[in-house]
Amino acid sequence: MEAEGLGWLLVPLHQLVSWVAAGAMVFGGVVPYIPQYRDIRRTQNADGFSTHVCLVLLVANILRILFWFGRHFESPLLWQSIVMILTMLLMLKLCTEVRVANELNIKRRSFADFDPHHFWHWSSFADYVQCVLAFTGVAGYVTYLSIDSALFVETLGFLAVLTEAMLGVPQLYRNYRHRSTEGMSGTCHNLPKLQCLEKEDKACLETSV
């Protein structure tokens, strides 16, 4: 009888926990980049942050969204990818503006040059957007043609996970080359822990559905 009386409280509490877990999953991945963004904006120096981190996350999350069309997964994970893409574009915009402002009399480089030696080292944020749109368009078209293939869809999901697993490589290489972590936000060091927390949130969400 007492358990039935508490039922009216447990149902909304259960729903609240589900919402909190979903919110943590959507926004948890961008948390480390908030202090990094603020540090770059405050110091006007982006040398400590590798923009290839943005490249890795953009590719991984675009592939994850395309994978969703072949095999639907939880909506919070889909929104997480959208939020991460927007965050990485904001990071790229700031880093590009800061780098161009600090480099005087440097030759302008653009995506349209198709120079592999200067790939992802362009002088305008618009060039990065063009590259992302070109990749999305090509990958989207290939996905559209092959969406009925289970093998292709599974490969797409595998590539998304594999790419995201290499997230730390660009930053580690930059730190090794500079022999320093100066300019890198301390929160970024805790990114693997936050990703593990997101996985725990996902498990919590799945058990509550």
N, C-alpha and C. Protein backbone atom coordinates (compact mmCIF):
# COMPACT_ATOMS: atom_id res chain seq x y z
N MET A 1 0.84 -1.21 0.00
CA MET A 1 0.00 0.00 0.00
C MET A 1 0.87 1.26 0.00
N GLU A 2 1.93 1.19 0.83
CA GLU A 2 2.83 2.33 0.91
C GLU A 2 3.58 2.53 -0.40
N ALA A 3 3.97 1.39 -1.02
CA ALA A 3 4.67 1.48 -2.31
C ALA A 3 3.78 2.11 -3.38
N GLU A 4 2.48 1.76 -3.33
CA GLU A 4 1.56 2.35 -4.31
C GLU A 4 1.39 3.84 -4.05
N GLY A 5 1.45 4.24 -2.79
CA GLY A 5 1.31 5.65 -2.47
C GLY A 5 2.48 6.48 -2.95
N LEU A 6 3.67 5.85 -2.99
CA LEU A 6 4.86 6.56 -3.45
C LEU A 6 5.00 6.54 -4.96
N GLY A 7 4.12 5.82 -5.63
CA GLY A 7 4.22 5.69 -7.08
C GLY A 7 4.14 7.03 -7.80
N TRP A 8 3.29 7.92 -7.31
CA TRP A 8 3.11 9.23 -7.95
C TRP A 8 4.40 10.06 -7.88
N LEU A 9 5.24 9.79 -6.87
CA LEU A 9 6.50 10.52 -6.72
C LEU A 9 7.62 9.88 -7.53
N LEU A 10 7.64 8.57 -7.61
CA LEU A 10 8.72 7.87 -8.29
C LEU A 10 8.69 8.08 -9.80
N VAL A 11 7.50 8.17 -10.36
CA VAL A 11 7.39 8.34 -11.81
C VAL A 11 8.01 9.65 -12.28
N PRO A 12 7.64 10.82 -11.72
CA PRO A 12 8.29 12.06 -12.16
C PRO A 12 9.76 12.11 -11.79
N LEU A 13 10.15 11.49 -10.65
CA LEU A 13 11.56 11.45 -10.27
C LEU A 13 12.36 10.64 -11.27
N HIS A 14 11.78 9.54 -11.72
CA HIS A 14 12.42 8.70 -12.73
C HIS A 14 12.59 9.46 -14.03
N GLN A 15 11.58 10.24 -14.39
CA GLN A 15 11.64 11.04 -15.61
C GLN A 15 12.68 12.15 -15.49
N LEU A 16 12.77 12.75 -14.29
CA LEU A 16 13.75 13.81 -14.05
C LEU A 16 15.17 13.29 -14.20
N VAL A 17 15.43 12.11 -13.63
CA VAL A 17 16.75 11.49 -13.75
C VAL A 17 17.09 11.22 -15.22
N SER A 18 16.09 10.79 -15.97
CA SER A 18 16.29 10.52 -17.40
C SER A 18 16.65 11.79 -18.14
N TRP A 19 15.98 12.90 -17.83
CA TRP A 19 16.26 14.19 -18.48
C TRP A 19 17.65 14.70 -18.13
N VAL A 20 18.02 14.57 -16.86
CA VAL A 20 19.34 15.02 -16.41
C VAL A 20 20.44 14.22 -17.11
N ALA A 21 20.24 12.89 -17.19
CA ALA A 21 21.22 12.04 -17.87
C ALA A 21 21.33 12.41 -19.34
N ALA A 22 20.19 12.68 -19.98
CA ALA A 22 20.20 13.07 -21.39
C ALA A 22 20.90 14.41 -21.58
N GLY A 23 20.64 15.36 -20.68
CA GLY A 23 21.29 16.67 -20.77
C GLY A 23 22.79 16.57 -20.58
N ALA A 24 23.22 15.73 -19.64
CA ALA A 24 24.65 15.53 -19.40
C ALA A 24 25.31 14.90 -20.63
N MET A 25 24.59 14.01 -21.29
CA MET A 25 25.11 13.36 -22.48
C MET A 25 25.26 14.34 -23.64
N VAL A 26 24.28 15.24 -23.77
CA VAL A 26 24.29 16.19 -24.88
C VAL A 26 25.39 17.23 -24.72
N PHE A 27 25.52 17.78 -23.50
CA PHE A 27 26.43 18.92 -23.29
C PHE A 27 27.74 18.54 -22.59
N GLY A 28 27.82 17.32 -22.06
CA GLY A 28 29.03 16.94 -21.33
C GLY A 28 30.29 16.96 -22.16
N GLY A 29 30.17 16.62 -23.44
CA GLY A 29 31.35 16.56 -24.30
C GLY A 29 31.98 17.91 -24.59
N VAL A 30 31.19 18.99 -24.52
CA VAL A 30 31.73 20.31 -24.86
C VAL A 30 32.28 21.05 -23.64
N VAL A 31 32.05 20.51 -22.45
CA VAL A 31 32.48 21.18 -21.22
C VAL A 31 33.97 21.51 -21.21
N PRO A 32 34.88 20.57 -21.60
CA PRO A 32 36.31 20.89 -21.54
C PRO A 32 36.73 22.04 -22.45
N TYR A 33 35.94 22.32 -23.47
CA TYR A 33 36.33 23.33 -24.44
C TYR A 33 35.87 24.73 -24.05
N ILE A 34 35.03 24.84 -23.05
CA ILE A 34 34.58 26.16 -22.60
C ILE A 34 35.73 26.95 -21.97
N PRO A 35 36.46 26.39 -20.99
CA PRO A 35 37.61 27.13 -20.45
C PRO A 35 38.71 27.31 -21.49
N GLN A 36 38.87 26.34 -22.40
CA GLN A 36 39.87 26.49 -23.46
C GLN A 36 39.53 27.67 -24.36
N TYR A 37 38.27 27.80 -24.71
CA TYR A 37 37.81 28.93 -25.53
C TYR A 37 38.06 30.25 -24.82
N ARG A 38 37.73 30.29 -23.53
CA ARG A 38 37.90 31.52 -22.74
C ARG A 38 39.38 31.87 -22.61
N ASP A 39 40.25 30.88 -22.43
CA ASP A 39 41.68 31.14 -22.31
C ASP A 39 42.24 31.72 -23.60
N ILE A 40 41.86 31.14 -24.73
CA ILE A 40 42.34 31.64 -26.02
C ILE A 40 41.85 33.06 -26.27
N ARG A 41 40.60 33.30 -25.93
CA ARG A 41 40.04 34.64 -26.14
C ARG A 41 40.70 35.67 -25.22
N ARG A 42 41.01 35.26 -24.00
CA ARG A 42 41.61 36.18 -23.02
C ARG A 42 43.07 36.49 -23.38
N THR A 43 43.84 35.47 -23.75
CA THR A 43 45.26 35.65 -24.03
C THR A 43 45.54 36.02 -25.48
N GLN A 44 44.55 35.82 -26.35
CA GLN A 44 44.75 36.05 -27.78
C GLN A 44 45.93 35.23 -28.30
N ASN A 45 46.00 33.98 -27.80
CA ASN A 45 47.06 33.07 -28.20
C ASN A 45 46.48 31.66 -28.29
N ALA A 46 46.54 31.08 -29.49
CA ALA A 46 45.97 29.75 -29.70
C ALA A 46 47.04 28.70 -29.95
N ASP A 47 48.30 29.03 -29.62
CA ASP A 47 49.40 28.11 -29.92
C ASP A 47 49.31 26.81 -29.12
N GLY A 48 48.69 26.86 -27.95
CA GLY A 48 48.64 25.67 -27.11
C GLY A 48 47.55 24.68 -27.48
N PHE A 49 46.69 25.06 -28.42
CA PHE A 49 45.56 24.21 -28.80
C PHE A 49 45.69 23.78 -30.25
N SER A 50 45.59 22.48 -30.50
CA SER A 50 45.69 21.96 -31.86
C SER A 50 44.32 21.99 -32.53
N THR A 51 44.22 22.70 -33.64
CA THR A 51 42.95 22.77 -34.37
C THR A 51 42.62 21.43 -35.04
N HIS A 52 43.59 20.52 -35.07
CA HIS A 52 43.31 19.19 -35.62
C HIS A 52 42.39 18.39 -34.70
N VAL A 53 42.33 18.81 -33.43
CA VAL A 53 41.33 18.23 -32.52
C VAL A 53 39.94 18.52 -33.05
N CYS A 54 39.75 19.75 -33.54
CA CYS A 54 38.46 20.13 -34.14
C CYS A 54 38.18 19.28 -35.38
N LEU A 55 39.22 19.05 -36.18
CA LEU A 55 39.05 18.24 -37.39
C LEU A 55 38.59 16.83 -37.03
N VAL A 56 39.24 16.22 -36.05
CA VAL A 56 38.89 14.86 -35.64
C VAL A 56 37.45 14.80 -35.16
N LEU A 57 37.05 15.75 -34.33
CA LEU A 57 35.70 15.72 -33.78
C LEU A 57 34.64 16.06 -34.83
N LEU A 58 34.97 16.94 -35.75
CA LEU A 58 34.03 17.26 -36.83
C LEU A 58 33.78 16.03 -37.70
N VAL A 59 34.85 15.35 -38.10
CA VAL A 59 34.70 14.16 -38.94
C VAL A 59 33.94 13.07 -38.20
N ALA A 60 34.32 12.82 -36.93
CA ALA A 60 33.69 11.76 -36.15
C ALA A 60 32.20 12.01 -35.97
N ASN A 61 31.83 13.24 -35.68
CA ASN A 61 30.42 13.53 -35.41
C ASN A 61 29.58 13.63 -36.67
N ILE A 62 30.18 14.06 -37.76
CA ILE A 62 29.46 14.05 -39.04
C ILE A 62 29.18 12.60 -39.45
N LEU A 63 30.17 11.73 -39.29
CA LEU A 63 29.98 10.32 -39.60
C LEU A 63 28.93 9.69 -38.69
N ARG A 64 28.93 10.11 -37.43
CA ARG A 64 27.94 9.56 -36.49
C ARG A 64 26.53 9.96 -36.89
N ILE A 65 26.36 11.21 -37.34
CA ILE A 65 25.04 11.67 -37.78
C ILE A 65 24.59 10.89 -39.02
N LEU A 66 25.52 10.68 -39.94
CA LEU A 66 25.19 9.90 -41.14
C LEU A 66 24.84 8.46 -40.77
N PHE A 67 25.53 7.92 -39.77
CA PHE A 67 25.23 6.56 -39.30
C PHE A 67 23.81 6.49 -38.74
N TRP A 68 23.34 7.59 -38.15
CA TRP A 68 22.00 7.63 -37.58
C TRP A 68 20.93 7.38 -38.64
N PHE A 69 21.18 7.81 -39.88
CA PHE A 69 20.21 7.60 -40.94
C PHE A 69 20.09 6.12 -41.31
N GLY A 70 21.17 5.37 -41.08
CA GLY A 70 21.12 3.94 -41.37
C GLY A 70 20.66 3.11 -40.20
N ARG A 71 20.98 3.57 -39.00
CA ARG A 71 20.56 2.86 -37.79
C ARG A 71 20.32 3.89 -36.69
N HIS A 72 19.08 4.10 -36.38
CA HIS A 72 18.72 5.12 -35.39
C HIS A 72 19.21 4.73 -34.00
N PHE A 73 19.81 5.68 -33.32
CA PHE A 73 20.20 5.49 -31.94
C PHE A 73 19.54 6.58 -31.09
N GLU A 74 19.88 6.64 -29.81
CA GLU A 74 19.20 7.56 -28.89
C GLU A 74 19.31 9.01 -29.36
N SER A 75 18.24 9.75 -29.24
CA SER A 75 18.22 11.16 -29.66
C SER A 75 19.26 12.01 -28.95
N PRO A 76 19.51 11.81 -27.63
CA PRO A 76 20.54 12.62 -26.97
C PRO A 76 21.91 12.49 -27.63
N LEU A 77 22.25 11.30 -28.13
CA LEU A 77 23.54 11.13 -28.81
C LEU A 77 23.57 11.87 -30.14
N LEU A 78 22.42 11.93 -30.81
CA LEU A 78 22.34 12.70 -32.05
C LEU A 78 22.52 14.18 -31.78
N TRP A 79 21.84 14.68 -30.75
CA TRP A 79 21.97 16.09 -30.37
C TRP A 79 23.38 16.39 -29.87
N GLN A 80 24.01 15.42 -29.22
CA GLN A 80 25.38 15.60 -28.76
C GLN A 80 26.30 15.88 -29.94
N SER A 81 26.10 15.15 -31.04
CA SER A 81 26.92 15.35 -32.22
C SER A 81 26.70 16.73 -32.83
N ILE A 82 25.45 17.17 -32.86
CA ILE A 82 25.13 18.49 -33.42
C ILE A 82 25.77 19.59 -32.57
N VAL A 83 25.64 19.47 -31.25
CA VAL A 83 26.22 20.47 -30.35
C VAL A 83 27.74 20.49 -30.47
N MET A 84 28.35 19.30 -30.59
CA MET A 84 29.81 19.23 -30.71
C MET A 84 30.28 19.86 -32.01
N ILE A 85 29.57 19.64 -33.10
CA ILE A 85 29.95 20.25 -34.38
C ILE A 85 29.92 21.77 -34.28
N LEU A 86 28.86 22.30 -33.69
CA LEU A 86 28.75 23.76 -33.53
C LEU A 86 29.87 24.29 -32.64
N THR A 87 30.20 23.55 -31.59
CA THR A 87 31.27 23.96 -30.67
C THR A 87 32.62 23.99 -31.38
N MET A 88 32.90 22.96 -32.17
CA MET A 88 34.18 22.91 -32.88
C MET A 88 34.29 24.01 -33.93
N LEU A 89 33.18 24.36 -34.54
CA LEU A 89 33.20 25.46 -35.51
C LEU A 89 33.49 26.79 -34.80
N LEU A 90 32.94 26.97 -33.60
CA LEU A 90 33.23 28.17 -32.82
C LEU A 90 34.70 28.21 -32.41
N MET A 91 35.25 27.05 -32.01
CA MET A 91 36.66 26.98 -31.65
C MET A 91 37.54 27.31 -32.87
N LEU A 92 37.18 26.77 -34.02
CA LEU A 92 37.95 27.05 -35.24
C LEU A 92 37.90 28.52 -35.61
N LYS A 93 36.74 29.12 -35.48
CA LYS A 93 36.59 30.54 -35.81
C LYS A 93 37.49 31.40 -34.93
N LEU A 94 37.48 31.13 -33.63
CA LEU A 94 38.30 31.91 -32.71
C LEU A 94 39.79 31.68 -32.98
N CYS A 95 40.20 30.42 -33.13
CA CYS A 95 41.62 30.11 -33.36
C CYS A 95 42.13 30.74 -34.65
N THR A 96 41.31 30.71 -35.69
CA THR A 96 41.71 31.30 -36.97
C THR A 96 41.86 32.80 -36.86
N GLU A 97 40.91 33.46 -36.21
CA GLU A 97 40.98 34.91 -36.03
C GLU A 97 42.20 35.31 -35.23
N VAL A 98 42.49 34.57 -34.16
CA VAL A 98 43.64 34.88 -33.31
C VAL A 98 44.95 34.65 -34.06
N ARG A 99 45.04 33.54 -34.79
CA ARG A 99 46.28 33.23 -35.51
C ARG A 99 46.55 34.25 -36.60
N VAL A 100 45.53 34.61 -37.36
CA VAL A 100 45.70 35.59 -38.44
C VAL A 100 46.08 36.95 -37.89
N ALA A 101 45.51 37.32 -36.74
CA ALA A 101 45.82 38.61 -36.12
C ALA A 101 47.27 38.66 -35.63
N ASN A 102 47.81 37.50 -35.23
CA ASN A 102 49.17 37.47 -34.70
C ASN A 102 50.24 37.26 -35.76
N GLU A 103 49.83 36.80 -36.94
CA GLU A 103 50.79 36.56 -38.02
C GLU A 103 50.72 37.69 -39.03
N LEU A 104 51.78 38.47 -39.10
CA LEU A 104 51.82 39.62 -40.01
C LEU A 104 52.54 39.24 -41.30
N ASN A 105 52.10 39.82 -42.39
CA ASN A 105 52.73 39.64 -43.70
C ASN A 105 52.89 38.16 -44.07
N ILE A 106 51.85 37.40 -43.80
CA ILE A 106 51.88 35.98 -44.17
C ILE A 106 51.01 35.76 -45.40
N LYS A 107 51.45 34.85 -46.25
CA LYS A 107 50.71 34.59 -47.48
C LYS A 107 49.36 33.96 -47.16
N ARG A 108 48.33 34.43 -47.82
CA ARG A 108 47.00 33.91 -47.58
C ARG A 108 46.86 32.51 -48.16
N ARG A 109 46.32 31.61 -47.35
CA ARG A 109 46.10 30.24 -47.78
C ARG A 109 44.61 29.95 -47.73
N SER A 110 44.12 29.24 -48.73
CA SER A 110 42.69 28.96 -48.78
C SER A 110 42.44 27.51 -49.15
N PHE A 111 41.24 27.07 -48.85
CA PHE A 111 40.83 25.70 -49.18
C PHE A 111 40.85 25.47 -50.68
N ALA A 112 40.54 26.51 -51.45
CA ALA A 112 40.48 26.40 -52.91
C ALA A 112 41.85 26.17 -53.54
N ASP A 113 42.94 26.39 -52.77
CA ASP A 113 44.29 26.15 -53.32
C ASP A 113 44.55 24.65 -53.49
N PHE A 114 43.85 23.82 -52.71
CA PHE A 114 44.03 22.37 -52.73
C PHE A 114 45.50 21.99 -52.54
N ASP A 115 46.14 22.69 -51.61
CA ASP A 115 47.54 22.43 -51.29
C ASP A 115 47.61 21.52 -50.07
N PRO A 116 48.01 20.26 -50.23
CA PRO A 116 48.02 19.33 -49.10
C PRO A 116 48.99 19.74 -47.99
N HIS A 117 50.01 20.52 -48.33
CA HIS A 117 50.99 20.95 -47.32
C HIS A 117 50.40 21.95 -46.34
N HIS A 118 49.35 22.63 -46.75
CA HIS A 118 48.72 23.62 -45.89
C HIS A 118 47.29 23.23 -45.53
N PHE A 119 47.00 21.93 -45.62
CA PHE A 119 45.66 21.47 -45.28
C PHE A 119 45.37 21.77 -43.81
N TRP A 120 44.20 22.33 -43.58
CA TRP A 120 43.73 22.69 -42.24
C TRP A 120 44.59 23.78 -41.59
N HIS A 121 45.28 24.56 -42.42
CA HIS A 121 46.04 25.72 -41.93
C HIS A 121 45.70 26.92 -42.81
N TRP A 122 44.42 27.19 -42.95
CA TRP A 122 43.98 28.25 -43.83
C TRP A 122 43.85 29.58 -43.10
N SER A 123 43.69 30.64 -43.89
CA SER A 123 43.71 31.99 -43.34
C SER A 123 42.33 32.55 -43.02
N SER A 124 41.29 31.83 -43.40
CA SER A 124 39.93 32.32 -43.18
C SER A 124 39.04 31.20 -42.64
N PHE A 125 38.18 31.56 -41.72
CA PHE A 125 37.24 30.59 -41.17
C PHE A 125 36.32 30.04 -42.26
N ALA A 126 36.02 30.85 -43.27
CA ALA A 126 35.14 30.42 -44.36
C ALA A 126 35.73 29.21 -45.09
N ASP A 127 37.07 29.12 -45.16
CA ASP A 127 37.70 27.99 -45.83
C ASP A 127 37.46 26.69 -45.06
N TYR A 128 37.47 26.76 -43.74
CA TYR A 128 37.18 25.58 -42.92
C TYR A 128 35.72 25.15 -43.12
N VAL A 129 34.83 26.13 -43.19
CA VAL A 129 33.42 25.82 -43.41
C VAL A 129 33.23 25.15 -44.77
N GLN A 130 33.92 25.66 -45.79
CA GLN A 130 33.83 25.07 -47.12
C GLN A 130 34.31 23.62 -47.10
N CYS A 131 35.40 23.36 -46.38
CA CYS A 131 35.94 22.01 -46.29
C CYS A 131 34.94 21.08 -45.59
N VAL A 132 34.36 21.54 -44.48
CA VAL A 132 33.39 20.74 -43.74
C VAL A 132 32.17 20.45 -44.59
N LEU A 133 31.69 21.47 -45.32
CA LEU A 133 30.53 21.28 -46.18
C LEU A 133 30.83 20.32 -47.33
N ALA A 134 32.05 20.43 -47.88
CA ALA A 134 32.43 19.53 -48.98
C ALA A 134 32.49 18.09 -48.48
N PHE A 135 33.10 17.88 -47.31
CA PHE A 135 33.18 16.54 -46.75
C PHE A 135 31.79 15.99 -46.44
N THR A 136 30.94 16.84 -45.85
CA THR A 136 29.58 16.42 -45.51
C THR A 136 28.79 16.07 -46.76
N GLY A 137 28.95 16.88 -47.81
CA GLY A 137 28.24 16.63 -49.06
C GLY A 137 28.65 15.31 -49.71
N VAL A 138 29.96 15.08 -49.79
CA VAL A 138 30.45 13.84 -50.42
C VAL A 138 30.05 12.62 -49.58
N ALA A 139 30.30 12.71 -48.27
CA ALA A 139 29.97 11.59 -47.39
C ALA A 139 28.47 11.34 -47.36
N GLY A 140 27.69 12.42 -47.38
CA GLY A 140 26.24 12.30 -47.38
C GLY A 140 25.73 11.65 -48.66
N TYR A 141 26.33 12.01 -49.79
CA TYR A 141 25.90 11.44 -51.07
C TYR A 141 26.22 9.95 -51.14
N VAL A 142 27.42 9.59 -50.67
CA VAL A 142 27.81 8.17 -50.66
C VAL A 142 26.90 7.38 -49.72
N THR A 143 26.56 7.99 -48.59
CA THR A 143 25.65 7.34 -47.64
C THR A 143 24.27 7.15 -48.26
N TYR A 144 23.80 8.16 -48.97
CA TYR A 144 22.49 8.08 -49.63
C TYR A 144 22.45 6.92 -50.63
N LEU A 145 23.55 6.73 -51.35
CA LEU A 145 23.60 5.67 -52.35
C LEU A 145 23.73 4.28 -51.71
N SER A 146 24.33 4.23 -50.52
CA SER A 146 24.64 2.92 -49.91
C SER A 146 23.87 2.66 -48.63
N ILE A 147 22.82 3.44 -48.36
CA ILE A 147 22.12 3.35 -47.09
C ILE A 147 21.46 1.99 -46.87
N ASP A 148 21.16 1.27 -47.95
CA ASP A 148 20.51 -0.03 -47.83
C ASP A 148 21.48 -1.16 -47.54
N SER A 149 22.77 -0.86 -47.56
CA SER A 149 23.78 -1.87 -47.30
C SER A 149 24.11 -1.89 -45.81
N ALA A 150 23.82 -3.01 -45.17
CA ALA A 150 24.10 -3.14 -43.73
C ALA A 150 25.60 -3.06 -43.47
N LEU A 151 26.39 -3.60 -44.38
CA LEU A 151 27.85 -3.57 -44.22
C LEU A 151 28.36 -2.14 -44.25
N PHE A 152 27.83 -1.34 -45.18
CA PHE A 152 28.26 0.06 -45.27
C PHE A 152 27.88 0.83 -44.01
N VAL A 153 26.67 0.63 -43.54
CA VAL A 153 26.20 1.35 -42.34
C VAL A 153 27.06 0.99 -41.13
N GLU A 154 27.36 -0.29 -40.97
CA GLU A 154 28.20 -0.72 -39.84
C GLU A 154 29.62 -0.16 -39.98
N THR A 155 30.12 -0.11 -41.21
CA THR A 155 31.45 0.46 -41.45
C THR A 155 31.47 1.94 -41.11
N LEU A 156 30.38 2.63 -41.44
CA LEU A 156 30.26 4.05 -41.13
C LEU A 156 30.31 4.27 -39.62
N GLY A 157 29.57 3.45 -38.89
CA GLY A 157 29.59 3.57 -37.44
C GLY A 157 30.96 3.26 -36.86
N PHE A 158 31.63 2.25 -37.42
CA PHE A 158 32.97 1.89 -36.95
C PHE A 158 33.96 3.03 -37.19
N LEU A 159 33.88 3.66 -38.36
CA LEU A 159 34.78 4.76 -38.67
C LEU A 159 34.54 5.96 -37.76
N ALA A 160 33.28 6.19 -37.41
CA ALA A 160 32.96 7.29 -36.50
C ALA A 160 33.59 7.05 -35.13
N VAL A 161 33.46 5.83 -34.62
CA VAL A 161 34.04 5.48 -33.32
C VAL A 161 35.56 5.50 -33.37
N LEU A 162 36.13 4.96 -34.44
CA LEU A 162 37.59 4.91 -34.59
C LEU A 162 38.17 6.32 -34.66
N THR A 163 37.53 7.19 -35.41
CA THR A 163 38.01 8.57 -35.53
C THR A 163 37.98 9.29 -34.19
N GLU A 164 36.88 9.11 -33.47
CA GLU A 164 36.76 9.77 -32.16
C GLU A 164 37.77 9.21 -31.16
N ALA A 165 38.12 7.93 -31.31
CA ALA A 165 39.10 7.31 -30.42
C ALA A 165 40.49 7.92 -30.59
N MET A 166 40.73 8.54 -31.74
CA MET A 166 42.03 9.16 -32.02
C MET A 166 42.05 10.64 -31.62
N LEU A 167 41.08 11.05 -30.82
CA LEU A 167 40.93 12.46 -30.45
C LEU A 167 42.18 13.05 -29.84
N GLY A 168 42.85 12.30 -28.97
CA GLY A 168 43.99 12.86 -28.26
C GLY A 168 45.27 12.95 -29.07
N VAL A 169 45.34 12.26 -30.22
CA VAL A 169 46.57 12.20 -31.00
C VAL A 169 47.06 13.57 -31.47
N PRO A 170 46.21 14.42 -32.08
CA PRO A 170 46.71 15.73 -32.55
C PRO A 170 47.27 16.59 -31.42
N GLN A 171 46.59 16.61 -30.27
CA GLN A 171 47.05 17.44 -29.17
C GLN A 171 48.33 16.88 -28.57
N LEU A 172 48.43 15.56 -28.46
CA LEU A 172 49.65 14.93 -27.94
C LEU A 172 50.84 15.22 -28.84
N TYR A 173 50.61 15.17 -30.15
CA TYR A 173 51.69 15.45 -31.10
C TYR A 173 52.14 16.90 -30.99
N ARG A 174 51.18 17.80 -30.85
CA ARG A 174 51.52 19.22 -30.72
C ARG A 174 52.31 19.48 -29.44
N ASN A 175 51.85 18.87 -28.34
CA ASN A 175 52.55 19.05 -27.07
C ASN A 175 53.97 18.47 -27.14
N TYR A 176 54.10 17.31 -27.81
CA TYR A 176 55.42 16.69 -27.95
C TYR A 176 56.35 17.57 -28.79
N ARG A 177 55.82 18.12 -29.86
CA ARG A 177 56.64 18.94 -30.75
C ARG A 177 57.08 20.23 -30.08
N HIS A 178 56.19 20.80 -29.25
CA HIS A 178 56.50 22.06 -28.56
C HIS A 178 57.18 21.81 -27.21
N ARG A 179 57.21 20.52 -26.79
CA ARG A 179 57.76 20.17 -25.48
C ARG A 179 57.10 20.96 -24.36
N SER A 180 55.79 21.20 -24.52
CA SER A 180 55.07 22.00 -23.53
C SER A 180 53.57 21.81 -23.69
N THR A 181 52.86 21.99 -22.55
CA THR A 181 51.40 21.99 -22.59
C THR A 181 50.85 23.38 -22.31
N GLU A 182 51.73 24.38 -22.40
CA GLU A 182 51.31 25.76 -22.13
C GLU A 182 50.25 26.19 -23.13
N GLY A 183 49.21 26.83 -22.63
CA GLY A 183 48.11 27.29 -23.48
C GLY A 183 46.98 26.30 -23.59
N MET A 184 47.19 25.08 -23.05
CA MET A 184 46.14 24.06 -23.09
C MET A 184 45.39 24.09 -21.78
N SER A 185 44.09 24.20 -21.85
CA SER A 185 43.26 24.25 -20.65
C SER A 185 43.38 22.96 -19.86
N GLY A 186 43.44 23.10 -18.52
CA GLY A 186 43.56 21.93 -17.66
C GLY A 186 42.36 21.01 -17.76
N THR A 187 41.21 21.57 -18.12
CA THR A 187 40.02 20.73 -18.23
C THR A 187 40.13 19.73 -19.36
N CYS A 188 40.90 20.06 -20.39
CA CYS A 188 41.06 19.15 -21.52
C CYS A 188 41.80 17.89 -21.11
N HIS A 189 42.62 17.98 -20.05
CA HIS A 189 43.31 16.79 -19.57
C HIS A 189 42.32 15.78 -19.01
N ASN A 190 41.15 16.26 -18.58
CA ASN A 190 40.14 15.38 -17.98
C ASN A 190 39.11 14.91 -18.98
N LEU A 191 39.36 15.16 -20.28
CA LEU A 191 38.40 14.78 -21.30
C LEU A 191 38.09 13.29 -21.30
N PRO A 192 39.10 12.38 -21.19
CA PRO A 192 38.77 10.96 -21.15
C PRO A 192 37.84 10.61 -19.99
N LYS A 193 38.03 11.26 -18.84
CA LYS A 193 37.17 10.99 -17.69
C LYS A 193 35.74 11.43 -17.99
N LEU A 194 35.61 12.59 -18.65
CA LEU A 194 34.27 13.09 -18.97
C LEU A 194 33.59 12.19 -19.99
N GLN A 195 34.38 11.63 -20.93
CA GLN A 195 33.81 10.72 -21.91
C GLN A 195 33.33 9.45 -21.23
N CYS A 196 34.08 8.99 -20.24
CA CYS A 196 33.63 7.81 -19.47
C CYS A 196 32.34 8.13 -18.72
N LEU A 197 32.25 9.36 -18.20
CA LEU A 197 31.05 9.77 -17.49
C LEU A 197 29.86 9.79 -18.43
N GLU A 198 30.08 10.23 -19.68
CA GLU A 198 29.00 10.25 -20.66
C GLU A 198 28.52 8.83 -20.94
N LYS A 199 29.45 7.87 -20.99
CA LYS A 199 29.07 6.49 -21.23
C LYS A 199 28.23 5.96 -20.08
N GLU A 200 28.58 6.38 -18.84
CA GLU A 200 27.78 5.98 -17.68
C GLU A 200 26.39 6.60 -17.76
N ASP A 201 26.33 7.87 -18.23
CA ASP A 201 25.04 8.54 -18.38
C ASP A 201 24.21 7.82 -19.42
N LYS A 202 24.84 7.35 -20.50
CA LYS A 202 24.12 6.65 -21.55
C LYS A 202 23.53 5.36 -20.99
N ALA A 203 24.33 4.64 -20.18
CA ALA A 203 23.83 3.40 -19.59
C ALA A 203 22.65 3.67 -18.68
N CYS A 204 22.76 4.78 -17.93
CA CYS A 204 21.67 5.16 -17.03
C CYS A 204 20.41 5.49 -17.82
N LEU A 205 20.63 6.21 -18.95
CA LEU A 205 19.48 6.59 -19.76
C LEU A 205 18.81 5.37 -20.37
N GLU A 206 19.64 4.43 -20.85
CA GLU A 206 19.07 3.24 -21.49
C GLU A 206 18.27 2.39 -20.51
N THR A 207 18.74 2.34 -19.26
CA THR A 207 18.02 1.54 -18.26
C THR A 207 16.73 2.21 -17.82
N SER A 208 16.66 3.53 -18.03
CA SER A 208 15.46 4.25 -17.59
C SER A 208 14.38 4.31 -18.65
N VAL A 209 14.74 3.92 -19.90
CA VAL A 209 13.75 3.96 -20.99
C VAL A 209 12.82 2.76 -20.89
